[in-house]
Amino acid sequence: SSLQVARNQSTLKGADHEQLVLAILEKVHSPFQDIVSDTSQDKGDAGRKTGDFVVEVNSSIPLAEPLRVVVEAKNTKLSLSAALKELDTSMSNRSARVGVLVFNDVSQSPTNGQLLRIYPGNRIVVSFVEGQSMPVEVGFALARNLALNSVARKEEDSEKIDIERIVNEIIEAMENSRRISRHISSSRRSLDEIEGIYEDLRTKILQSIDGIVC
């Protein structure tokens, strides 16, 4: 995709990571007419700039105050406690019901190699992996649903969405997609090697034929 191409060409430092996160936010939320704002240079309720982006979710339910999701783009390694504390700070600073922390690479994330985790308090930690943006897109979509679910009235327990089960299914699907992508890359490399061997043999055969022509 164009997002993946941009990522592969990017230096993946600071502002580049933030701009890619913003582009994916727009891609995920624009179909719902949600409002995405870059707040990285603006002070929030707590007088801090924590919380790079704020999404105002377009809800069909009348609300007394905006329904917000805050997103923090991170290009450094953090411990789990530090990551969750940053999410708490960002959510408080931007008056958001859901917080998403997006790492530049899964190696920086404290999720033990998992691409996406949801923690109590509507806190999501997600990472890019091998240049793929799908985990981040899924994380943003889940955050939107968590925000909407936080204001939706469910009278029957049976009607409540089992978020944990759905997330586990999504993570399994993403891991399968990751494995398939690796197999495809491996197969392409094998085909390239075979093609190279074929071309070498073809050249030698043609050269041998040229040598026996009188």
Protein backbone atom coordinates (compact mmCIF):
# COMPACT_ATOMS: atom_id res chain seq x y z
CA SER A 1 0.00 0.00 0.00
CA SER A 2 1.04 3.64 -0.28
CA LEU A 3 1.37 3.79 3.50
CA GLN A 4 3.77 0.86 3.48
CA VAL A 5 5.77 2.41 0.64
CA ALA A 6 6.01 5.68 2.55
CA ARG A 7 7.13 3.77 5.62
CA ASN A 8 9.78 1.83 3.71
CA GLN A 9 11.16 5.07 2.26
CA SER A 10 11.01 6.93 5.57
CA THR A 11 13.91 7.34 7.98
CA LEU A 12 11.44 6.30 10.68
CA LYS A 13 12.63 8.99 13.05
CA GLY A 14 10.47 11.23 15.24
CA ALA A 15 8.38 13.39 12.94
CA ASP A 16 8.33 10.75 10.20
CA HIS A 17 6.76 8.25 12.59
CA GLU A 18 4.24 10.83 13.75
CA GLN A 19 3.25 11.76 10.21
CA LEU A 20 2.73 8.12 9.29
CA VAL A 21 0.56 7.61 12.37
CA LEU A 22 -1.48 10.69 11.40
CA ALA A 23 -1.95 9.39 7.85
CA ILE A 24 -3.26 6.05 9.15
CA LEU A 25 -5.54 7.83 11.62
CA GLU A 26 -7.08 9.80 8.75
CA LYS A 27 -7.47 6.64 6.70
CA VAL A 28 -9.28 4.78 9.50
CA HIS A 29 -11.50 7.61 10.77
CA SER A 30 -12.42 9.66 7.69
CA PRO A 31 -15.11 7.19 6.50
CA PHE A 32 -16.95 7.82 9.79
CA GLN A 33 -16.58 11.60 9.55
CA ASP A 34 -14.60 11.63 12.78
CA ILE A 35 -12.45 14.70 13.39
CA VAL A 36 -8.70 14.03 13.64
CA SER A 37 -6.54 16.80 15.12
CA ASP A 38 -2.78 17.13 15.47
CA THR A 39 -2.35 18.29 19.06
CA SER A 40 1.37 17.58 19.38
CA GLN A 41 2.18 21.28 19.77
CA ASP A 42 -0.87 22.20 21.85
CA LYS A 43 -1.14 22.13 25.62
CA GLY A 44 -4.04 20.13 27.01
CA ASP A 45 -6.17 20.30 30.16
CA ALA A 46 -3.19 19.48 32.37
CA GLY A 47 -1.01 22.11 30.70
CA ARG A 48 1.06 19.47 28.91
CA LYS A 49 1.63 18.59 25.27
CA THR A 50 1.22 14.85 25.95
CA GLY A 51 -1.11 13.25 23.42
CA ASP A 52 0.03 13.79 19.83
CA PHE A 53 -3.35 13.33 18.16
CA VAL A 54 -6.97 13.55 19.25
CA VAL A 55 -9.89 11.93 17.47
CA GLU A 56 -13.36 13.29 18.11
CA VAL A 57 -15.62 10.32 17.41
CA ASN A 58 -18.81 10.99 15.49
CA SER A 59 -21.40 9.39 17.78
CA SER A 60 -25.09 8.95 17.00
CA ILE A 61 -25.79 9.20 20.74
CA PRO A 62 -26.24 12.78 22.04
CA LEU A 63 -23.39 13.52 24.45
CA ALA A 64 -22.75 16.30 26.93
CA GLU A 65 -19.09 16.43 25.90
CA PRO A 66 -17.05 15.24 22.90
CA LEU A 67 -16.18 11.54 22.71
CA ARG A 68 -12.43 11.46 22.28
CA VAL A 69 -9.64 9.01 21.56
CA VAL A 70 -6.06 10.18 22.16
CA VAL A 71 -3.08 8.75 20.26
CA GLU A 72 0.56 9.02 21.28
CA ALA A 73 3.26 8.15 18.74
CA LYS A 74 6.39 6.70 20.31
CA ASN A 75 9.73 5.98 18.67
CA THR A 76 11.64 4.85 21.77
CA LYS A 77 11.54 1.74 23.92
CA LEU A 78 9.42 1.91 27.07
CA SER A 79 8.68 -0.41 29.96
CA LEU A 80 5.07 -1.49 30.43
CA SER A 81 4.61 0.70 33.51
CA ALA A 82 6.02 3.71 31.67
CA ALA A 83 3.83 3.04 28.63
CA LEU A 84 0.66 2.75 30.69
CA LYS A 85 1.56 5.85 32.70
CA GLU A 86 2.03 7.79 29.44
CA LEU A 87 -1.38 6.61 28.25
CA ASP A 88 -2.97 7.69 31.54
CA THR A 89 -1.33 11.11 31.28
CA SER A 90 -2.37 11.55 27.66
CA MET A 91 -5.97 10.52 28.32
CA SER A 92 -6.23 12.91 31.27
CA ASN A 93 -4.54 15.74 29.39
CA ARG A 94 -6.86 15.40 26.35
CA SER A 95 -10.06 14.39 28.19
CA ALA A 96 -10.17 11.14 26.22
CA ARG A 97 -12.02 7.93 27.06
CA VAL A 98 -9.58 5.73 25.14
CA GLY A 99 -5.82 6.00 24.69
CA VAL A 100 -3.59 4.41 22.04
CA LEU A 101 0.21 4.24 22.22
CA VAL A 102 1.78 3.46 18.83
CA PHE A 103 5.34 2.20 18.74
CA ASN A 104 7.49 2.56 15.67
CA ASP A 105 8.49 -1.10 15.91
CA VAL A 106 7.37 -4.11 17.93
CA SER A 107 10.91 -4.38 19.36
CA GLN A 108 10.27 -1.10 21.25
CA SER A 109 6.96 -2.27 22.71
CA PRO A 110 6.65 -3.85 26.19
CA THR A 111 4.07 -6.38 24.92
CA ASN A 112 6.50 -9.32 24.68
CA GLY A 113 6.32 -9.49 20.91
CA GLN A 114 2.56 -9.16 20.62
CA LEU A 115 1.48 -6.69 17.98
CA LEU A 116 -1.49 -5.37 19.93
CA ARG A 117 -2.65 -5.46 23.54
CA ILE A 118 -5.61 -3.90 25.32
CA TYR A 119 -5.09 -3.07 28.99
CA PRO A 120 -7.69 -2.16 31.64
CA GLY A 121 -8.91 1.40 31.46
CA ASN A 122 -9.34 1.44 27.67
CA ARG A 123 -5.59 1.60 27.05
CA ILE A 124 -4.20 0.12 23.84
CA VAL A 125 -0.56 -0.56 22.96
CA VAL A 126 0.12 -1.37 19.31
CA SER A 127 3.16 -1.53 17.03
CA PHE A 128 4.22 -1.44 13.45
CA VAL A 129 5.93 -4.65 12.40
CA GLU A 130 8.16 -5.24 9.40
CA GLY A 131 6.81 -2.14 7.68
CA GLN A 132 3.19 -3.27 7.93
CA SER A 133 0.52 -0.85 9.09
CA MET A 134 -2.32 -3.35 9.53
CA PRO A 135 -1.82 -3.82 13.32
CA VAL A 136 -2.00 -0.06 13.82
CA GLU A 137 -5.13 0.25 11.67
CA VAL A 138 -6.77 -2.51 13.71
CA GLY A 139 -5.72 -0.78 16.94
CA PHE A 140 -7.36 2.48 15.86
CA ALA A 141 -10.55 0.69 14.79
CA LEU A 142 -10.71 -1.07 18.17
CA ALA A 143 -10.13 2.21 19.99
CA ARG A 144 -13.07 3.77 18.17
CA ASN A 145 -15.31 0.87 19.10
CA LEU A 146 -14.17 1.00 22.73
CA ALA A 147 -15.03 4.69 22.84
CA LEU A 148 -18.49 4.10 21.39
CA ASN A 149 -19.01 1.11 23.66
CA SER A 150 -18.19 3.25 26.69
CA VAL A 151 -21.29 5.38 26.10
CA ALA A 152 -23.61 2.76 24.64
CA ARG A 153 -26.24 1.42 27.03
CA LYS A 154 -26.36 -2.34 27.26
CA GLU A 155 -29.19 -3.72 29.42
CA GLU A 156 -28.47 -7.40 28.92
CA ASP A 157 -25.13 -8.95 29.79
CA SER A 158 -25.58 -11.31 26.85
CA GLU A 159 -25.58 -8.31 24.51
CA LYS A 160 -22.24 -7.04 25.72
CA ILE A 161 -19.39 -7.45 23.29
CA ASP A 162 -16.65 -9.82 24.44
CA ILE A 163 -13.82 -7.45 23.54
CA GLU A 164 -11.06 -9.75 24.80
CA ARG A 165 -12.26 -12.67 22.66
CA ILE A 166 -12.55 -10.49 19.57
CA VAL A 167 -9.12 -8.96 20.12
CA ASN A 168 -7.54 -12.40 20.55
CA GLU A 169 -9.13 -13.52 17.29
CA ILE A 170 -7.87 -10.41 15.52
CA ILE A 171 -4.36 -10.84 16.91
CA GLU A 172 -4.31 -14.47 15.78
CA ALA A 173 -5.44 -13.40 12.31
CA MET A 174 -2.70 -10.74 12.18
CA GLU A 175 -0.06 -13.24 13.28
CA ASN A 176 -1.24 -15.63 10.56
CA SER A 177 -1.03 -12.80 8.05
CA ARG A 178 2.48 -12.03 9.26
CA ARG A 179 3.54 -15.65 8.80
CA ILE A 180 1.99 -15.78 5.33
CA SER A 181 3.81 -12.58 4.38
CA ARG A 182 7.09 -14.11 5.51
CA HIS A 183 6.44 -17.26 3.47
CA ILE A 184 5.64 -15.13 0.43
CA SER A 185 8.88 -13.16 0.86
CA SER A 186 10.82 -16.40 1.29
CA SER A 187 9.19 -17.89 -1.81
CA ARG A 188 10.01 -14.77 -3.81
CA ARG A 189 13.64 -15.00 -2.75
CA SER A 190 13.70 -18.68 -3.74
CA LEU A 191 12.18 -17.88 -7.12
CA ASP A 192 14.72 -15.10 -7.65
CA GLU A 193 17.53 -17.54 -6.84
CA ILE A 194 16.09 -20.16 -9.22
CA GLU A 195 15.70 -17.54 -11.93
CA GLY A 196 19.32 -16.50 -11.40
CA ILE A 197 20.53 -20.09 -11.69
CA TYR A 198 18.40 -20.55 -14.82
CA GLU A 199 19.85 -17.43 -16.43
CA ASP A 200 23.40 -18.60 -15.64
CA LEU A 201 22.71 -22.01 -17.17
CA ARG A 202 21.03 -20.39 -20.17
CA THR A 203 24.04 -18.16 -20.76
CA LYS A 204 26.47 -21.10 -20.47
CA ILE A 205 24.37 -23.22 -22.82
CA LEU A 206 24.17 -20.45 -25.39
CA GLN A 207 27.89 -19.85 -25.09
CA SER A 208 28.53 -23.59 -25.55
CA ILE A 209 26.33 -23.63 -28.65
CA ASP A 210 28.16 -20.63 -30.05
CA GLY A 211 31.41 -22.55 -29.52
CA ILE A 212 30.36 -25.54 -31.60
CA VAL A 213 28.90 -23.63 -34.53
CA CYS A 214 31.22 -23.84 -37.50
